[in-house]
Amino acid sequence: MTGNAQNQSAVLKAVNDNDGTADISMDTLATDTGLPPREVSRCACKLIERGLLVRTEKGRYQITIEGRDVIASGTELSSGPRGALTQRRPRRPKRITFRQKLWRAMRIKAASAEKFTSEDLIALAASGRESNPQHNAGRYLRALVNTGYLRVMPTRAPGHALTSNGFYRYALIRDTGPEAPVFRPLTGVVYDPNTEETHSLESTGGAA
């Protein structure tokens, strides 16, 4: 591990050790890591680029779910590719799909032991550009129920209309990592990129 990577790891660990659910100031990080404030700021910017930290306000940072995963797994950080950020052919960022956002929302809810409905997830994940987020989310949730990632709770959340039967409530019971399981309807399977396992659907029914 290079010096740059070691410093980034030290900053990430310090944020996590200071209660990962709260933000922490740059001055506190400098004290905890023994690094100069300028180096703490540089490392924090790199960790934000990697998706491991978020900046809550100027000079204050909070660890992300992905950052906690790195700490929990003991993964070593690398310094990454060198060179100017304005290189002629920058690496294309990975596209974050609506279902990836749904999966992140589920993990956020599960981290605080919260149950959730499809409407809860859509409120967190939808950008407003999706053509039919309710249908998309419903199909994805059914696939995750049928492959053992989600459990349908016995009681429903109240619906919006007086005649509504309410919304199904779910609990995330198989959190395998930050990458969203991929539902492949043509073959009737869910592929998990975190474990590289493929799970067949138990049925074609399930909750919406």
Protein backbone atom coordinates (compact mmCIF):
# COMPACT_ATOMS: atom_id res chain seq x y z
CA MET A 1 0.00 0.00 0.00
CA THR A 2 1.44 3.39 -0.98
CA GLY A 3 1.66 6.41 1.30
CA ASN A 4 -1.33 8.02 -0.41
CA ALA A 5 -3.43 4.90 0.07
CA GLN A 6 -2.29 4.55 3.69
CA ASN A 7 -3.35 8.11 4.46
CA GLN A 8 -6.73 7.58 2.79
CA SER A 9 -7.23 4.39 4.81
CA ALA A 10 -6.33 6.24 8.02
CA VAL A 11 -8.87 8.97 7.29
CA LEU A 12 -11.59 6.47 6.38
CA LYS A 13 -10.97 4.45 9.54
CA ALA A 14 -11.01 7.59 11.69
CA VAL A 15 -14.39 8.65 10.28
CA ASN A 16 -15.76 5.16 10.89
CA ASP A 17 -14.36 4.98 14.44
CA ASN A 18 -16.00 8.28 15.36
CA ASP A 19 -19.54 6.83 15.04
CA GLY A 20 -20.12 6.15 11.36
CA THR A 21 -23.69 7.47 11.55
CA ALA A 22 -22.52 11.02 12.40
CA ASP A 23 -20.36 13.50 10.51
CA ILE A 24 -16.92 14.55 11.71
CA SER A 25 -14.85 17.69 11.27
CA MET A 26 -11.54 17.97 9.44
CA ASP A 27 -9.86 19.24 12.62
CA THR A 28 -10.93 16.13 14.53
CA LEU A 29 -9.67 13.92 11.71
CA ALA A 30 -6.32 15.72 11.73
CA THR A 31 -6.03 15.11 15.48
CA ASP A 32 -7.07 11.45 15.26
CA THR A 33 -4.84 10.57 12.29
CA GLY A 34 -1.87 12.83 13.02
CA LEU A 35 -2.03 14.10 9.44
CA PRO A 36 -1.84 17.79 8.48
CA PRO A 37 -5.27 19.33 7.75
CA ARG A 38 -4.31 19.88 4.10
CA GLU A 39 -3.52 16.16 3.72
CA VAL A 40 -6.77 15.22 5.47
CA SER A 41 -8.67 17.43 3.02
CA ARG A 42 -6.88 15.87 0.03
CA CYS A 43 -7.57 12.33 1.26
CA ALA A 44 -11.21 13.16 1.96
CA CYS A 45 -11.64 14.44 -1.60
CA LYS A 46 -10.21 11.18 -2.97
CA LEU A 47 -12.49 9.12 -0.71
CA ILE A 48 -15.50 11.16 -1.88
CA GLU A 49 -14.52 10.42 -5.50
CA ARG A 50 -14.43 6.71 -4.62
CA GLY A 51 -17.90 6.91 -3.03
CA LEU A 52 -16.58 6.02 0.44
CA LEU A 53 -17.25 9.40 2.09
CA VAL A 54 -19.73 12.22 1.60
CA ARG A 55 -19.23 15.89 2.48
CA THR A 56 -22.10 16.98 4.73
CA GLU A 57 -20.92 20.59 4.80
CA LYS A 58 -17.64 22.44 4.35
CA GLY A 59 -14.95 20.64 6.34
CA ARG A 60 -17.25 17.88 7.66
CA TYR A 61 -17.51 14.30 6.38
CA GLN A 62 -19.57 11.15 6.86
CA ILE A 63 -18.84 7.57 5.83
CA THR A 64 -21.09 5.86 3.25
CA ILE A 65 -22.43 2.31 3.25
CA GLU A 66 -19.72 1.44 0.71
CA GLY A 67 -17.12 2.93 3.05
CA ARG A 68 -18.36 0.79 5.94
CA ASP A 69 -18.17 -2.25 3.65
CA VAL A 70 -14.50 -1.50 2.93
CA ILE A 71 -13.75 -1.25 6.65
CA ALA A 72 -15.71 -4.41 7.51
CA SER A 73 -14.08 -6.48 4.76
CA GLY A 74 -10.56 -5.28 5.52
CA THR A 75 -10.07 -4.33 1.87
CA GLU A 76 -6.85 -2.42 1.23
CA LEU A 77 -7.16 0.81 -0.71
CA SER A 78 -4.91 1.44 -3.68
CA SER A 79 -3.70 4.85 -4.72
CA GLY A 80 -5.50 4.46 -8.05
CA PRO A 81 -4.42 5.65 -11.50
CA ARG A 82 -2.10 8.64 -11.59
CA GLY A 83 -2.21 11.62 -13.86
CA ALA A 84 -4.17 14.82 -14.28
CA LEU A 85 -7.89 14.76 -13.69
CA THR A 86 -8.32 16.50 -17.03
CA GLN A 87 -6.81 13.66 -19.05
CA ARG A 88 -7.80 13.51 -22.72
CA ARG A 89 -9.79 10.29 -22.38
CA PRO A 90 -11.22 10.16 -18.87
CA ARG A 91 -12.57 6.88 -17.59
CA ARG A 92 -16.33 6.69 -18.10
CA PRO A 93 -18.08 6.58 -14.71
CA LYS A 94 -20.16 3.53 -13.95
CA ARG A 95 -23.84 4.14 -14.68
CA ILE A 96 -25.99 4.00 -11.56
CA THR A 97 -29.29 2.40 -12.53
CA PHE A 98 -32.66 2.89 -10.89
CA ARG A 99 -32.45 -0.62 -9.43
CA GLN A 100 -29.00 0.11 -8.03
CA LYS A 101 -30.53 3.13 -6.30
CA LEU A 102 -33.38 0.95 -5.01
CA TRP A 103 -30.87 -1.52 -3.58
CA ARG A 104 -28.93 1.28 -1.88
CA ALA A 105 -32.17 2.59 -0.39
CA MET A 106 -32.97 -0.89 0.97
CA ARG A 107 -29.54 -1.12 2.60
CA ILE A 108 -29.92 2.32 4.15
CA LYS A 109 -33.27 1.30 5.63
CA ALA A 110 -31.88 -2.02 6.84
CA ALA A 111 -28.90 -0.32 8.51
CA SER A 112 -31.33 1.30 10.95
CA ALA A 113 -33.54 -1.83 11.17
CA GLU A 114 -36.36 -0.12 9.27
CA LYS A 115 -39.02 -1.92 7.24
CA PHE A 116 -40.01 -0.28 3.96
CA THR A 117 -42.58 -0.17 1.19
CA SER A 118 -42.04 0.22 -2.53
CA GLU A 119 -43.20 3.82 -2.15
CA ASP A 120 -40.52 4.45 0.49
CA LEU A 121 -37.82 3.19 -1.87
CA ILE A 122 -39.12 5.10 -4.87
CA ALA A 123 -39.10 8.31 -2.84
CA LEU A 124 -35.39 7.78 -2.13
CA ALA A 125 -34.33 6.38 -5.51
CA ALA A 126 -36.39 8.01 -8.25
CA SER A 127 -35.03 11.03 -10.08
CA GLY A 128 -38.30 11.88 -11.84
CA ARG A 129 -36.98 10.75 -15.22
CA GLU A 130 -38.15 7.13 -14.91
CA SER A 131 -41.10 6.23 -17.13
CA ASN A 132 -42.85 3.89 -14.67
CA PRO A 133 -40.93 3.57 -11.39
CA GLN A 134 -43.80 1.81 -9.58
CA HIS A 135 -43.89 -1.02 -12.13
CA ASN A 136 -40.10 -1.27 -12.29
CA ALA A 137 -39.75 -1.34 -8.50
CA GLY A 138 -42.59 -3.85 -8.13
CA ARG A 139 -40.99 -6.35 -10.52
CA TYR A 140 -37.62 -5.99 -8.84
CA LEU A 141 -39.01 -6.41 -5.33
CA ARG A 142 -40.95 -9.53 -6.35
CA ALA A 143 -37.76 -11.03 -7.77
CA LEU A 144 -35.86 -10.28 -4.56
CA VAL A 145 -38.65 -11.78 -2.44
CA ASN A 146 -38.67 -14.93 -4.55
CA THR A 147 -34.90 -15.37 -4.26
CA GLY A 148 -34.70 -14.82 -0.52
CA TYR A 149 -33.29 -11.29 -0.33
CA LEU A 150 -36.47 -9.72 1.03
CA ARG A 151 -39.20 -10.89 3.39
CA VAL A 152 -42.78 -9.64 3.14
CA MET A 153 -44.03 -8.50 6.54
CA PRO A 154 -47.42 -9.72 7.83
CA THR A 155 -48.88 -6.22 8.23
CA ARG A 156 -49.22 -3.63 5.48
CA ALA A 157 -48.64 0.10 5.54
CA PRO A 158 -51.75 2.28 5.07
CA GLY A 159 -52.58 3.17 1.48
CA HIS A 160 -53.35 6.62 0.11
CA ALA A 161 -57.01 5.91 -0.70
CA LEU A 162 -59.77 4.87 1.71
CA THR A 163 -60.47 1.77 -0.40
CA SER A 164 -56.79 0.79 -0.63
CA ASN A 165 -55.60 -2.50 0.87
CA GLY A 166 -52.35 -0.75 1.78
CA PHE A 167 -48.74 -1.26 0.72
CA TYR A 168 -46.68 -4.38 1.30
CA ARG A 169 -43.90 -3.84 3.84
CA TYR A 170 -40.53 -5.52 3.36
CA ALA A 171 -37.42 -6.36 5.36
CA LEU A 172 -33.99 -6.89 3.80
CA ILE A 173 -32.80 -10.27 5.11
CA ARG A 174 -29.91 -10.99 2.72
CA ASP A 175 -27.53 -8.06 2.32
CA THR A 176 -24.61 -9.43 0.34
CA GLY A 177 -22.85 -6.17 -0.49
CA PRO A 178 -23.05 -2.81 -2.27
CA GLU A 179 -23.78 -4.04 -5.80
CA ALA A 180 -27.46 -4.53 -6.63
CA PRO A 181 -28.54 -8.09 -7.50
CA VAL A 182 -29.47 -8.22 -11.18
CA PHE A 183 -32.90 -9.57 -12.15
CA ARG A 184 -32.81 -11.37 -15.51
CA PRO A 185 -36.46 -12.00 -16.45
CA LEU A 186 -35.71 -13.88 -19.69
CA THR A 187 -33.95 -16.65 -17.79
CA GLY A 188 -35.90 -16.29 -14.55
CA VAL A 189 -32.86 -15.76 -12.34
CA VAL A 190 -31.25 -13.15 -10.12
CA TYR A 191 -27.48 -12.77 -10.45
CA ASP A 192 -25.61 -11.41 -7.43
CA PRO A 193 -22.38 -9.59 -8.46
CA ASN A 194 -21.27 -9.45 -4.81
CA THR A 195 -21.10 -13.24 -4.45
CA GLU A 196 -21.07 -14.15 -8.17
CA GLU A 197 -23.98 -16.52 -7.48
CA THR A 198 -27.12 -17.04 -9.56
CA HIS A 199 -30.47 -17.76 -7.88
CA SER A 200 -33.54 -19.15 -9.64
CA LEU A 201 -36.92 -17.61 -8.88
CA GLU A 202 -39.01 -19.80 -6.60
CA SER A 203 -42.21 -18.66 -8.28
CA THR A 204 -43.58 -16.03 -10.62
CA GLY A 205 -45.97 -14.61 -8.07
CA GLY A 206 -45.30 -12.60 -4.95
CA ALA A 207 -46.02 -9.24 -3.43
CA ALA A 208 -46.12 -6.03 -5.39
